[in-house]
Structure formats: C-alpha cells, structure tokens
Amino acid sequence: MAFVISDQCVSCGACAQQCPVGAISAGDGKFEIDKDTCISCGACAAQCPVSAIAEE
C-alpha cells in the first residue's frame, strides 16, 4: 500500500529528501506522494517530525 500525507504536514520537506524513488513533491499547502511511484518503504514516515505520513 502507498503512503499518504495528512493535512498535519508542515511542508518541511524532510520526507521528500528521504524518498528513494522521488515519489514526494510539494503540493498546495503540503507535500504529496505519487501513489503510482511510491514503493511503500516507509522511509518518509520515519523522517516526518509531525507524524503526518501513514499507510493508506
């Protein structure tokens, strides 16, 4: 399952830096994960300082 970023996102970019496949990009007010690119590794969730990333 792909990961998703909730509205708790503070747009710090820590998750995008850790994504090994480049599935995370800045969206409108928060970062977003491309579900088709995400490999469900969880590297992004481990880096989120506000726990805004979870499995869908």
PDB file of N, CA and C in Angstrom:
ATOM      1  N   MET A   1       0.829  -1.189   0.000  1.00  0.00           N
ATOM      2  CA  MET A   1       0.000   0.000   0.000  1.00  0.00           C
ATOM      3  C   MET A   1       0.871   1.250   0.000  1.00  0.00           C
ATOM      4  N   ALA A   2       0.416   2.245  -0.664  1.00  0.00           N
ATOM      5  CA  ALA A   2       1.143   3.510  -0.719  1.00  0.00           C
ATOM      6  C   ALA A   2       0.935   4.296   0.573  1.00  0.00           C
ATOM      7  N   PHE A   3       1.850   5.202   0.828  1.00  0.00           N
ATOM      8  CA  PHE A   3       1.731   6.090   1.971  1.00  0.00           C
ATOM      9  C   PHE A   3       1.029   7.366   1.533  1.00  0.00           C
ATOM     10  N   VAL A   4       0.399   8.053   2.484  1.00  0.00           N
ATOM     11  CA  VAL A   4      -0.270   9.317   2.212  1.00  0.00           C
ATOM     12  C   VAL A   4       0.152  10.334   3.270  1.00  0.00           C
ATOM     13  N   ILE A   5       0.075  11.606   2.906  1.00  0.00           N
ATOM     14  CA  ILE A   5       0.427  12.690   3.813  1.00  0.00           C
ATOM     15  C   ILE A   5      -0.852  13.422   4.206  1.00  0.00           C
ATOM     16  N   SER A   6      -1.068  13.564   5.509  1.00  0.00           N
ATOM     17  CA  SER A   6      -2.285  14.205   6.014  1.00  0.00           C
ATOM     18  C   SER A   6      -2.136  15.728   6.026  1.00  0.00           C
ATOM     19  N   ASP A   7      -3.206  16.385   6.404  1.00  0.00           N
ATOM     20  CA  ASP A   7      -3.207  17.848   6.491  1.00  0.00           C
ATOM     21  C   ASP A   7      -2.346  18.360   7.644  1.00  0.00           C
ATOM     22  N   GLN A   8      -1.811  17.478   8.468  1.00  0.00           N
ATOM     23  CA  GLN A   8      -0.907  17.876   9.545  1.00  0.00           C
ATOM     24  C   GLN A   8       0.465  18.278   9.002  1.00  0.00           C
ATOM     25  N   CYS A   9       0.722  18.019   7.744  1.00  0.00           N
ATOM     26  CA  CYS A   9       2.002  18.322   7.102  1.00  0.00           C
ATOM     27  C   CYS A   9       2.361  19.805   7.293  1.00  0.00           C
ATOM     28  N   VAL A  10       3.619  20.064   7.693  1.00  0.00           N
ATOM     29  CA  VAL A  10       4.103  21.435   7.885  1.00  0.00           C
ATOM     30  C   VAL A  10       5.022  21.868   6.735  1.00  0.00           C
ATOM     31  N   SER A  11       5.056  21.101   5.665  1.00  0.00           N
ATOM     32  CA  SER A  11       5.836  21.411   4.456  1.00  0.00           C
ATOM     33  C   SER A  11       7.323  21.633   4.722  1.00  0.00           C
ATOM     34  N   CYS A  12       7.905  20.822   5.587  1.00  0.00           N
ATOM     35  CA  CYS A  12       9.337  20.963   5.900  1.00  0.00           C
ATOM     36  C   CYS A  12      10.224  20.326   4.834  1.00  0.00           C
ATOM     37  N   GLY A  13       9.700  19.333   4.100  1.00  0.00           N
ATOM     38  CA  GLY A  13      10.457  18.688   3.033  1.00  0.00           C
ATOM     39  C   GLY A  13      11.340  17.532   3.467  1.00  0.00           C
ATOM     40  N   ALA A  14      11.341  17.204   4.744  1.00  0.00           N
ATOM     41  CA  ALA A  14      12.183  16.102   5.232  1.00  0.00           C
ATOM     42  C   ALA A  14      11.841  14.787   4.548  1.00  0.00           C
ATOM     43  N   CYS A  15      10.568  14.562   4.288  1.00  0.00           N
ATOM     44  CA  CYS A  15      10.129  13.317   3.656  1.00  0.00           C
ATOM     45  C   CYS A  15      10.638  13.202   2.226  1.00  0.00           C
ATOM     46  N   ALA A  16      10.556  14.281   1.486  1.00  0.00           N
ATOM     47  CA  ALA A  16      10.964  14.273   0.078  1.00  0.00           C
ATOM     48  C   ALA A  16      12.450  13.962  -0.062  1.00  0.00           C
ATOM     49  N   GLN A  17      13.244  14.441   0.874  1.00  0.00           N
ATOM     50  CA  GLN A  17      14.686  14.194   0.840  1.00  0.00           C
ATOM     51  C   GLN A  17      15.013  12.727   1.058  1.00  0.00           C
ATOM     52  N   GLN A  18      14.155  12.001   1.767  1.00  0.00           N
ATOM     53  CA  GLN A  18      14.411  10.598   2.089  1.00  0.00           C
ATOM     54  C   GLN A  18      13.820   9.604   1.105  1.00  0.00           C
ATOM     55  N   CYS A  19      12.935  10.050   0.226  1.00  0.00           N
ATOM     56  CA  CYS A  19      12.278   9.121  -0.695  1.00  0.00           C
ATOM     57  C   CYS A  19      13.259   8.611  -1.750  1.00  0.00           C
ATOM     58  N   PRO A  20      13.487   7.281  -1.795  1.00  0.00           N
ATOM     59  CA  PRO A  20      14.461   6.725  -2.739  1.00  0.00           C
ATOM     60  C   PRO A  20      13.995   6.717  -4.193  1.00  0.00           C
ATOM     61  N   VAL A  21      12.694   6.915  -4.423  1.00  0.00           N
ATOM     62  CA  VAL A  21      12.187   6.876  -5.792  1.00  0.00           C
ATOM     63  C   VAL A  21      11.614   8.215  -6.255  1.00  0.00           C
ATOM     64  N   GLY A  22      11.749   9.256  -5.444  1.00  0.00           N
ATOM     65  CA  GLY A  22      11.283  10.584  -5.837  1.00  0.00           C
ATOM     66  C   GLY A  22       9.779  10.698  -5.973  1.00  0.00           C
ATOM     67  N   ALA A  23       9.043   9.995  -5.117  1.00  0.00           N
ATOM     68  CA  ALA A  23       7.588   9.991  -5.211  1.00  0.00           C
ATOM     69  C   ALA A  23       6.928  11.171  -4.488  1.00  0.00           C
ATOM     70  N   ILE A  24       7.714  11.978  -3.776  1.00  0.00           N
ATOM     71  CA  ILE A  24       7.143  13.056  -2.965  1.00  0.00           C
ATOM     72  C   ILE A  24       7.515  14.412  -3.547  1.00  0.00           C
ATOM     73  N   SER A  25       6.505  15.272  -3.667  1.00  0.00           N
ATOM     74  CA  SER A  25       6.742  16.620  -4.189  1.00  0.00           C
ATOM     75  C   SER A  25       5.860  17.620  -3.443  1.00  0.00           C
ATOM     76  N   ALA A  26       6.235  18.890  -3.541  1.00  0.00           N
ATOM     77  CA  ALA A  26       5.468  19.947  -2.890  1.00  0.00           C
ATOM     78  C   ALA A  26       4.133  20.112  -3.588  1.00  0.00           C
ATOM     79  N   GLY A  27       3.084  20.140  -2.790  1.00  0.00           N
ATOM     80  CA  GLY A  27       1.748  20.339  -3.328  1.00  0.00           C
ATOM     81  C   GLY A  27       1.206  21.677  -2.875  1.00  0.00           C
ATOM     82  N   ASP A  28      -0.069  21.806  -2.893  1.00  0.00           N
ATOM     83  CA  ASP A  28      -0.728  23.049  -2.494  1.00  0.00           C
ATOM     84  C   ASP A  28      -0.895  23.067  -0.976  1.00  0.00           C
ATOM     85  N   GLY A  29       0.047  23.658  -0.261  1.00  0.00           N
ATOM     86  CA  GLY A  29      -0.031  23.760   1.186  1.00  0.00           C
ATOM     87  C   GLY A  29       0.573  22.600   1.955  1.00  0.00           C
ATOM     88  N   LYS A  30       0.896  21.514   1.275  1.00  0.00           N
ATOM     89  CA  LYS A  30       1.531  20.365   1.918  1.00  0.00           C
ATOM     90  C   LYS A  30       2.214  19.518   0.845  1.00  0.00           C
ATOM     91  N   PHE A  31       3.063  18.618   1.271  1.00  0.00           N
ATOM     92  CA  PHE A  31       3.711  17.712   0.329  1.00  0.00           C
ATOM     93  C   PHE A  31       2.742  16.591  -0.035  1.00  0.00           C
ATOM     94  N   GLU A  32       2.951  15.992  -1.205  1.00  0.00           N
ATOM     95  CA  GLU A  32       2.077  14.929  -1.692  1.00  0.00           C
ATOM     96  C   GLU A  32       2.915  13.752  -2.175  1.00  0.00           C
ATOM     97  N   ILE A  33       2.351  12.561  -2.063  1.00  0.00           N
ATOM     98  CA  ILE A  33       3.018  11.339  -2.506  1.00  0.00           C
ATOM     99  C   ILE A  33       2.299  10.793  -3.734  1.00  0.00           C
ATOM    100  N   ASP A  34       3.055  10.538  -4.793  1.00  0.00           N
ATOM    101  CA  ASP A  34       2.509   9.936  -6.005  1.00  0.00           C
ATOM    102  C   ASP A  34       2.314   8.443  -5.734  1.00  0.00           C
ATOM    103  N   LYS A  35       1.073   8.021  -5.643  1.00  0.00           N
ATOM    104  CA  LYS A  35       0.745   6.635  -5.302  1.00  0.00           C
ATOM    105  C   LYS A  35       1.301   5.631  -6.307  1.00  0.00           C
ATOM    106  N   ASP A  36       1.416   6.026  -7.560  1.00  0.00           N
ATOM    107  CA  ASP A  36       1.916   5.113  -8.588  1.00  0.00           C
ATOM    108  C   ASP A  36       3.425   4.916  -8.502  1.00  0.00           C
ATOM    109  N   THR A  37       4.112   5.873  -7.906  1.00  0.00           N
ATOM    110  CA  THR A  37       5.569   5.806  -7.792  1.00  0.00           C
ATOM    111  C   THR A  37       6.015   5.239  -6.448  1.00  0.00           C
ATOM    112  N   CYS A  38       5.235   5.463  -5.412  1.00  0.00           N
ATOM    113  CA  CYS A  38       5.566   5.036  -4.046  1.00  0.00           C
ATOM    114  C   CYS A  38       5.789   3.521  -3.990  1.00  0.00           C
ATOM    115  N   ILE A  39       6.885   3.116  -3.325  1.00  0.00           N
ATOM    116  CA  ILE A  39       7.188   1.693  -3.177  1.00  0.00           C
ATOM    117  C   ILE A  39       6.896   1.193  -1.761  1.00  0.00           C
ATOM    118  N   SER A  40       6.242   2.013  -0.953  1.00  0.00           N
ATOM    119  CA  SER A  40       5.822   1.652   0.408  1.00  0.00           C
ATOM    120  C   SER A  40       6.972   1.239   1.310  1.00  0.00           C
ATOM    121  N   CYS A  41       8.104   1.919   1.178  1.00  0.00           N
ATOM    122  CA  CYS A  41       9.265   1.570   2.004  1.00  0.00           C
ATOM    123  C   CYS A  41       9.190   2.165   3.401  1.00  0.00           C
ATOM    124  N   GLY A  42       8.449   3.271   3.573  1.00  0.00           N
ATOM    125  CA  GLY A  42       8.300   3.885   4.882  1.00  0.00           C
ATOM    126  C   GLY A  42       9.394   4.848   5.285  1.00  0.00           C
ATOM    127  N   ALA A  43      10.363   5.076   4.412  1.00  0.00           N
ATOM    128  CA  ALA A  43      11.460   5.993   4.740  1.00  0.00           C
ATOM    129  C   ALA A  43      10.947   7.398   5.031  1.00  0.00           C
ATOM    130  N   CYS A  44       9.931   7.814   4.323  1.00  0.00           N
ATOM    131  CA  CYS A  44       9.363   9.148   4.512  1.00  0.00           C
ATOM    132  C   CYS A  44       8.709   9.284   5.882  1.00  0.00           C
ATOM    133  N   ALA A  45       7.930   8.283   6.275  1.00  0.00           N
ATOM    134  CA  ALA A  45       7.206   8.325   7.544  1.00  0.00           C
ATOM    135  C   ALA A  45       8.171   8.406   8.718  1.00  0.00           C
ATOM    136  N   ALA A  46       9.292   7.737   8.605  1.00  0.00           N
ATOM    137  CA  ALA A  46      10.282   7.750   9.682  1.00  0.00           C
ATOM    138  C   ALA A  46      10.910   9.125   9.860  1.00  0.00           C
ATOM    139  N   GLN A  47      10.912   9.946   8.827  1.00  0.00           N
ATOM    140  CA  GLN A  47      11.532  11.261   8.887  1.00  0.00           C
ATOM    141  C   GLN A  47      10.574  12.390   9.231  1.00  0.00           C
ATOM    142  N   CYS A  48       9.285  12.151   9.203  1.00  0.00           N
ATOM    143  CA  CYS A  48       8.302  13.218   9.420  1.00  0.00           C
ATOM    144  C   CYS A  48       8.282  13.657  10.880  1.00  0.00           C
ATOM    145  N   PRO A  49       8.587  14.942  11.158  1.00  0.00           N
ATOM    146  CA  PRO A  49       8.638  15.414  12.546  1.00  0.00           C
ATOM    147  C   PRO A  49       7.273  15.579  13.202  1.00  0.00           C
ATOM    148  N   VAL A  50       6.193  15.575  12.405  1.00  0.00           N
ATOM    149  CA  VAL A  50       4.854  15.753  12.957  1.00  0.00           C
ATOM    150  C   VAL A  50       3.955  14.529  12.736  1.00  0.00           C
ATOM    151  N   SER A  51       4.550  13.416  12.335  1.00  0.00           N
ATOM    152  CA  SER A  51       3.831  12.154  12.113  1.00  0.00           C
ATOM    153  C   SER A  51       2.629  12.319  11.179  1.00  0.00           C
ATOM    154  N   ALA A  52       2.833  13.055  10.085  1.00  0.00           N
ATOM    155  CA  ALA A  52       1.757  13.318   9.134  1.00  0.00           C
ATOM    156  C   ALA A  52       1.683  12.278   8.018  1.00  0.00           C
ATOM    157  N   ILE A  53       2.554  11.273   8.048  1.00  0.00           N
ATOM    158  CA  ILE A  53       2.584  10.279   6.973  1.00  0.00           C
ATOM    159  C   ILE A  53       2.215   8.902   7.524  1.00  0.00           C
ATOM    160  N   ALA A  54       1.275   8.239   6.843  1.00  0.00           N
ATOM    161  CA  ALA A  54       0.833   6.912   7.261  1.00  0.00           C
ATOM    162  C   ALA A  54       0.483   6.083   6.038  1.00  0.00           C
ATOM    163  N   GLU A  55       0.409   4.769   6.222  1.00  0.00           N
ATOM    164  CA  GLU A  55      -0.025   3.906   5.133  1.00  0.00           C
ATOM    165  C   GLU A  55      -1.487   4.157   4.841  1.00  0.00           C
ATOM    166  N   GLU A  56      -1.822   4.129   3.582  1.00  0.00           N
ATOM    167  CA  GLU A  56      -3.200   4.372   3.142  1.00  0.00           C
ATOM    168  C   GLU A  56      -4.105   3.243   3.573  1.00  0.00           C
TER     169      GLU A  56
END
